[in-house]
Amino acid sequence: IGIVLLASISYIQYASFDQLSRDYGLLEADFERVKSQNQQMLLSSTAERVTTILRDVVQIDITKYQITLLSNTVETRSDLGGVVEEILKYSLTSSRSKIDIVLRFRNSHFSLYEFYLLEGVPPYDPIFTQPQPTDVLEATRGLIDRYKSSVSDPYLGEMSTLLASTNETDTEQTLGNTKFRVTINGDNAEVLLMYTSDGVDFAAKRIRLVFQNNILQELSDDWFFYEVGSTQVSVSKEQAIQIAINATKDFEWNADGEQVSNFNVLSEPVSALFFPHSRTEPLVLFPYWYITLYLDREYPGGVNSIAVGVWA
């Protein structure tokens, strides 16, 4: 009788587990189906924007690649004032190369394009719909003009006009609220089109292009993203350095239980970087100095410098 009872209980448990397993399988299938549907909805809502950047702006011939979406994340950034940020990572594979491309959209506005060559045989260049210029200035003109045609933001018009009248890359050029700056180091080039007003440059509010071997590696647009809170600069570089030095007099830190307060700050060198950034509101920029003071040696905790922020 005991054996029969135990066998009956075991059978009931087995049947219950079997039913739970089938239910779990059905739920898992439903979850994957819903996940796939949501992804397709998300893809359809962003496909046009992605195609615009890849085909119309960067001029990659997407018909020559097998394109796979590797990841798609959507996040509400509380640290950026509730901005909805979508980041997509694609794999583009052809018979001669494999590349990854990352695209970022903030509040549905294009924000970032990044290019990564993973493998390939010469030539390593991606396949373009049109021949690409080897001159940095000419390449930048074309990209900004195509981006202006696709996005139609007002600030792109002034950039396009400035680039059309610029023939040099070794000097800064300014038109209205747009400053143009190029840094070339061997096969690498960085182009900045930043916001300027009343002689104050807001480097965070910018469009940035990075080229390597004449191939666009990065295109980012943070111009639309930030606002300018003030262009008044009341603290000079020298004053900011002195404020920073004074701030270190009462400064101390803890390193593995040891309180460090007795240290020597060198008078030279001193790094003073003027880089306006947000203060109370995450997307509103204010003039700001970032001062780096160097110490006479390395102190506990591996500390050999102290950085001080000074609102300008």
Protein backbone atom coordinates (compact mmCIF):
# COMPACT_ATOMS: atom_id res chain seq x y z
CA ILE A 1 0.00 0.00 0.00
CA GLY A 2 2.86 2.36 0.88
CA ILE A 3 4.60 1.69 -2.42
CA VAL A 4 1.36 2.32 -4.33
CA LEU A 5 0.81 5.60 -2.44
CA LEU A 6 4.38 6.77 -3.06
CA ALA A 7 4.10 5.85 -6.74
CA SER A 8 0.82 7.77 -6.99
CA ILE A 9 2.36 10.85 -5.36
CA SER A 10 5.40 10.63 -7.62
CA TYR A 11 3.16 10.38 -10.67
CA ILE A 12 1.13 13.39 -9.59
CA GLN A 13 4.32 15.38 -9.00
CA TYR A 14 5.70 14.30 -12.35
CA ALA A 15 2.46 15.30 -14.10
CA SER A 16 2.51 18.66 -12.31
CA PHE A 17 6.13 19.33 -13.27
CA ASP A 18 5.42 18.24 -16.82
CA GLN A 19 2.48 20.64 -17.03
CA LEU A 20 4.58 23.44 -15.54
CA SER A 21 7.30 22.71 -18.08
CA ARG A 22 4.81 22.89 -20.96
CA ASP A 23 3.32 26.12 -19.54
CA TYR A 24 6.80 27.59 -19.21
CA GLY A 25 7.57 26.63 -22.79
CA LEU A 26 4.40 28.33 -24.00
CA LEU A 27 5.13 31.45 -21.94
CA GLU A 28 8.70 31.54 -23.23
CA ALA A 29 7.46 31.23 -26.82
CA ASP A 30 4.92 34.03 -26.21
CA PHE A 31 7.62 36.19 -24.68
CA GLU A 32 9.94 35.68 -27.65
CA ARG A 33 7.07 36.40 -30.04
CA VAL A 34 6.16 39.63 -28.27
CA LYS A 35 9.83 40.56 -28.02
CA SER A 36 10.22 39.97 -31.75
CA GLN A 37 7.11 42.01 -32.52
CA ASN A 38 8.32 44.87 -30.33
CA GLN A 39 11.69 44.76 -32.01
CA GLN A 40 10.08 44.84 -35.44
CA MET A 41 7.95 47.82 -34.39
CA LEU A 42 11.05 49.53 -33.07
CA LEU A 43 12.93 48.71 -36.26
CA SER A 44 10.18 50.06 -38.46
CA SER A 45 10.11 53.31 -36.50
CA THR A 46 13.87 53.81 -36.78
CA ALA A 47 14.60 52.13 -40.13
CA GLU A 48 14.04 55.31 -42.11
CA ARG A 49 16.33 57.34 -39.85
CA VAL A 50 19.03 54.66 -39.96
CA THR A 51 18.82 54.43 -43.74
CA THR A 52 19.03 58.20 -44.02
CA ILE A 53 22.28 58.34 -42.06
CA LEU A 54 23.98 55.32 -43.62
CA ARG A 55 22.91 55.73 -47.23
CA ASP A 56 22.15 59.44 -47.70
CA VAL A 57 24.64 61.11 -45.33
CA VAL A 58 27.63 58.75 -45.00
CA GLN A 59 26.90 57.25 -48.46
CA ILE A 60 27.52 53.61 -47.53
CA ASP A 61 26.10 51.33 -50.21
CA ILE A 62 23.84 49.27 -47.95
CA THR A 63 22.72 47.11 -50.90
CA LYS A 64 26.20 45.53 -50.96
CA TYR A 65 26.03 44.30 -47.36
CA GLN A 66 24.22 41.73 -45.33
CA ILE A 67 22.97 43.86 -42.45
CA THR A 68 22.25 42.38 -39.03
CA LEU A 69 20.93 44.25 -36.02
CA LEU A 70 23.15 43.14 -33.12
CA SER A 71 21.51 45.17 -30.38
CA ASN A 72 18.95 47.88 -29.83
CA THR A 73 18.65 49.55 -26.44
CA VAL A 74 16.23 52.29 -25.44
CA GLU A 75 16.76 54.14 -22.19
CA THR A 76 15.29 57.19 -20.51
CA ARG A 77 18.32 59.12 -19.28
CA SER A 78 17.41 60.74 -15.97
CA ASP A 79 20.92 62.23 -15.81
CA LEU A 80 20.14 64.06 -19.07
CA GLY A 81 16.81 65.48 -18.02
CA GLY A 82 14.67 62.55 -19.15
CA VAL A 83 16.01 62.32 -22.71
CA VAL A 84 15.02 59.10 -24.47
CA GLU A 85 18.20 57.59 -25.89
CA GLU A 86 18.21 54.80 -28.45
CA ILE A 87 21.46 53.03 -29.37
CA LEU A 88 21.58 50.58 -32.27
CA LYS A 89 24.51 48.37 -33.22
CA TYR A 90 24.65 46.84 -36.70
CA SER A 91 26.91 44.32 -38.36
CA LEU A 92 27.56 44.90 -42.08
CA THR A 93 29.14 41.95 -43.89
CA SER A 94 30.27 41.76 -47.50
CA SER A 95 32.52 39.42 -49.45
CA ARG A 96 35.55 41.55 -48.61
CA SER A 97 34.95 43.03 -45.16
CA LYS A 98 33.00 43.00 -41.94
CA ILE A 99 32.23 46.20 -40.11
CA ASP A 100 30.22 47.26 -37.09
CA ILE A 101 28.30 50.51 -36.99
CA VAL A 102 26.81 52.17 -33.92
CA LEU A 103 24.04 54.75 -34.23
CA ARG A 104 22.61 56.83 -31.41
CA PHE A 105 19.39 58.84 -31.43
CA ARG A 106 18.29 61.19 -28.67
CA ASN A 107 14.61 62.10 -28.59
CA SER A 108 14.49 60.61 -32.12
CA HIS A 109 17.15 63.08 -33.34
CA PHE A 110 20.40 61.70 -34.78
CA SER A 111 23.24 62.07 -32.30
CA LEU A 112 26.10 59.70 -33.13
CA TYR A 113 27.55 57.50 -35.89
CA GLU A 114 30.58 55.28 -35.17
CA PHE A 115 32.39 53.01 -37.64
CA TYR A 116 34.48 49.95 -36.67
CA LEU A 117 36.34 47.78 -39.18
CA LEU A 118 36.52 44.26 -37.75
CA GLU A 119 38.12 42.34 -40.62
CA GLY A 120 38.71 42.60 -44.34
CA VAL A 121 41.07 42.41 -47.26
CA PRO A 122 42.49 45.40 -49.15
CA PRO A 123 40.95 47.79 -49.83
CA TYR A 124 39.64 48.16 -46.30
CA ASP A 125 37.30 51.01 -47.19
CA PRO A 126 33.59 50.44 -46.88
CA ILE A 127 31.65 50.26 -50.13
CA PHE A 128 30.26 53.68 -50.93
CA THR A 129 27.59 54.77 -53.37
CA GLN A 130 29.86 57.61 -54.53
CA PRO A 131 33.65 58.13 -54.67
CA GLN A 132 34.79 59.72 -51.42
CA PRO A 133 37.07 62.79 -51.40
CA THR A 134 40.53 62.47 -49.86
CA ASP A 135 40.61 66.10 -48.78
CA VAL A 136 39.30 66.58 -45.21
CA LEU A 137 37.73 69.94 -45.94
CA GLU A 138 35.95 68.69 -49.06
CA ALA A 139 34.75 65.58 -47.25
CA THR A 140 33.40 67.69 -44.37
CA ARG A 141 31.57 70.02 -46.77
CA GLY A 142 29.85 67.09 -48.44
CA LEU A 143 28.85 65.43 -45.17
CA ILE A 144 27.42 68.62 -43.65
CA ASP A 145 25.54 69.47 -46.84
CA ARG A 146 24.01 66.00 -47.02
CA TYR A 147 23.21 66.05 -43.31
CA LYS A 148 21.55 69.46 -43.74
CA SER A 149 19.41 68.07 -46.54
CA SER A 150 18.34 65.14 -44.38
CA VAL A 151 17.78 66.85 -41.03
CA SER A 152 17.05 70.50 -41.93
CA ASP A 153 18.12 71.99 -38.58
CA PRO A 154 18.71 75.76 -38.88
CA TYR A 155 22.25 75.72 -37.46
CA LEU A 156 23.41 73.48 -40.32
CA GLY A 157 22.79 76.28 -42.81
CA GLU A 158 25.36 78.54 -41.14
CA MET A 159 27.83 75.65 -40.97
CA SER A 160 27.37 74.94 -44.66
CA THR A 161 27.92 78.61 -45.55
CA LEU A 162 31.06 78.78 -43.39
CA LEU A 163 32.53 75.63 -44.94
CA ALA A 164 31.77 76.86 -48.47
CA SER A 165 33.90 79.98 -47.85
CA THR A 166 36.74 78.17 -46.05
CA ASN A 167 39.83 77.09 -47.95
CA GLU A 168 42.26 76.42 -45.10
CA THR A 169 42.45 73.83 -42.36
CA ASP A 170 45.32 75.31 -40.34
CA THR A 171 43.42 78.33 -39.00
CA GLU A 172 40.15 78.70 -37.11
CA GLN A 173 37.28 80.26 -39.01
CA THR A 174 34.15 81.85 -37.52
CA LEU A 175 30.80 82.82 -38.98
CA GLY A 176 28.01 84.00 -36.70
CA ASN A 177 27.77 81.48 -33.89
CA THR A 178 29.81 78.78 -35.63
CA LYS A 179 33.54 78.24 -35.19
CA PHE A 180 35.41 75.81 -37.45
CA ARG A 181 38.55 74.04 -36.20
CA VAL A 182 40.58 71.19 -37.71
CA THR A 183 43.29 69.12 -36.01
CA ILE A 184 45.36 66.85 -38.25
CA ASN A 185 47.80 64.27 -36.86
CA GLY A 186 49.26 62.01 -39.53
CA ASP A 187 46.43 59.97 -41.06
CA ASN A 188 43.97 61.15 -38.41
CA ALA A 189 41.88 64.30 -38.56
CA GLU A 190 39.33 65.81 -36.21
CA VAL A 191 36.90 68.49 -37.37
CA LEU A 192 34.93 70.58 -34.87
CA LEU A 193 32.06 72.91 -35.69
CA MET A 194 31.27 74.41 -32.30
CA TYR A 195 28.98 77.08 -30.93
CA THR A 196 30.60 80.42 -30.08
CA SER A 197 29.09 83.62 -28.73
CA ASP A 198 30.62 86.84 -27.36
CA GLY A 199 34.08 85.33 -27.71
CA VAL A 200 33.15 82.29 -25.61
CA ASP A 201 33.46 78.84 -27.21
CA PHE A 202 31.05 76.13 -26.07
CA ALA A 203 32.92 73.02 -27.18
CA ALA A 204 30.23 70.64 -25.89
CA LYS A 205 27.64 72.21 -28.23
CA ARG A 206 29.13 71.01 -31.49
CA ILE A 207 29.26 68.73 -34.48
CA ARG A 208 32.35 66.53 -34.50
CA LEU A 209 33.80 64.52 -37.37
CA VAL A 210 36.72 62.11 -37.02
CA PHE A 211 38.55 60.74 -40.07
CA GLN A 212 41.15 58.00 -40.25
CA ASN A 213 42.87 57.31 -43.57
CA ASN A 214 40.21 59.54 -45.18
CA ILE A 215 37.39 57.32 -43.88
CA LEU A 216 34.77 58.79 -41.56
CA GLN A 217 35.08 57.02 -38.21
CA GLU A 218 32.73 59.21 -36.19
CA LEU A 219 30.05 61.81 -36.77
CA SER A 220 28.38 63.26 -33.68
CA ASP A 221 25.87 66.06 -33.28
CA ASP A 222 25.44 67.60 -29.82
CA TRP A 223 24.60 71.08 -31.12
CA PHE A 224 20.84 70.52 -30.94
CA PHE A 225 21.21 68.84 -27.57
CA TYR A 226 22.61 71.65 -25.40
CA GLU A 227 21.50 75.16 -24.60
CA VAL A 228 23.68 78.09 -23.55
CA GLY A 229 22.91 79.45 -20.11
CA SER A 230 25.35 82.36 -20.09
CA THR A 231 28.18 83.82 -22.17
CA GLN A 232 29.47 86.09 -19.40
CA VAL A 233 32.97 85.20 -18.19
CA SER A 234 33.85 86.94 -14.92
CA VAL A 235 36.78 84.74 -13.87
CA SER A 236 39.98 84.86 -15.94
CA LYS A 237 42.37 81.97 -16.41
CA GLU A 238 44.82 83.41 -13.88
CA GLN A 239 42.07 84.01 -11.34
CA ALA A 240 40.75 80.47 -11.83
CA ILE A 241 44.22 79.02 -11.20
CA GLN A 242 44.58 81.01 -7.99
CA ILE A 243 41.10 79.95 -6.83
CA ALA A 244 42.09 76.34 -7.48
CA ILE A 245 45.37 76.69 -5.56
CA ASN A 246 43.51 78.21 -2.60
CA ALA A 247 40.98 75.37 -2.68
CA THR A 248 43.74 72.76 -2.24
CA LYS A 249 44.94 74.28 1.05
CA ASP A 250 42.09 72.67 2.99
CA PHE A 251 41.86 69.59 0.79
CA GLU A 252 42.58 66.06 1.99
CA TRP A 253 41.82 62.51 0.94
CA ASN A 254 41.78 59.04 2.43
CA ALA A 255 44.00 56.29 1.00
CA ASP A 256 43.67 52.83 2.58
CA GLY A 257 42.79 54.31 5.94
CA GLU A 258 45.52 56.97 5.80
CA GLN A 259 44.36 60.59 5.80
CA VAL A 260 46.51 62.65 3.44
CA SER A 261 46.54 66.42 4.00
CA ASN A 262 50.23 67.36 3.90
CA PHE A 263 51.22 67.65 0.24
CA ASN A 264 53.02 70.13 -1.99
CA VAL A 265 51.46 71.67 -5.10
CA LEU A 266 53.84 72.73 -7.86
CA SER A 267 53.51 76.23 -9.29
CA GLU A 268 54.32 74.80 -12.72
CA PRO A 269 53.06 73.11 -14.79
CA VAL A 270 49.40 74.03 -14.48
CA SER A 271 46.67 72.96 -16.92
CA ALA A 272 43.70 75.31 -17.35
CA LEU A 273 41.00 74.02 -19.69
CA PHE A 274 38.03 76.25 -20.48
CA PHE A 275 35.12 73.92 -21.15
CA PRO A 276 31.59 75.14 -20.36
CA HIS A 277 29.27 72.44 -19.11
CA SER A 278 26.03 71.96 -17.19
CA ARG A 279 25.53 73.29 -13.68
CA THR A 280 22.04 72.82 -12.22
CA GLU A 281 20.17 71.81 -15.37
CA PRO A 282 21.77 68.86 -17.20
CA LEU A 283 21.56 70.33 -20.73
CA VAL A 284 22.28 74.02 -20.07
CA LEU A 285 25.92 75.09 -20.37
CA PHE A 286 27.74 77.67 -18.27
CA PRO A 287 31.35 78.95 -18.52
CA TYR A 288 33.68 76.74 -16.49
CA TRP A 289 37.40 76.27 -15.89
CA TYR A 290 38.90 72.82 -15.29
CA ILE A 291 42.21 73.33 -13.49
CA THR A 292 44.74 70.54 -12.99
CA LEU A 293 47.45 71.14 -10.38
CA TYR A 294 50.43 68.80 -10.22
CA LEU A 295 52.09 67.60 -7.02
CA ASP A 296 55.81 67.31 -6.33
CA ARG A 297 55.63 63.53 -6.08
CA GLU A 298 53.20 60.63 -5.92
CA TYR A 299 51.28 60.48 -2.66
CA PRO A 300 49.35 57.59 -1.04
CA GLY A 301 46.58 56.33 -3.29
CA GLY A 302 48.72 56.95 -6.39
CA VAL A 303 47.79 60.64 -6.37
CA ASN A 304 50.11 62.96 -8.29
CA SER A 305 47.68 65.71 -9.31
CA ILE A 306 44.52 67.44 -8.12
CA ALA A 307 41.77 68.76 -10.38
CA VAL A 308 39.57 71.69 -9.36
CA GLY A 309 36.48 72.95 -11.16
CA VAL A 310 35.87 76.71 -11.12
CA TRP A 311 32.69 78.32 -12.43
CA ALA A 312 33.72 81.23 -14.62
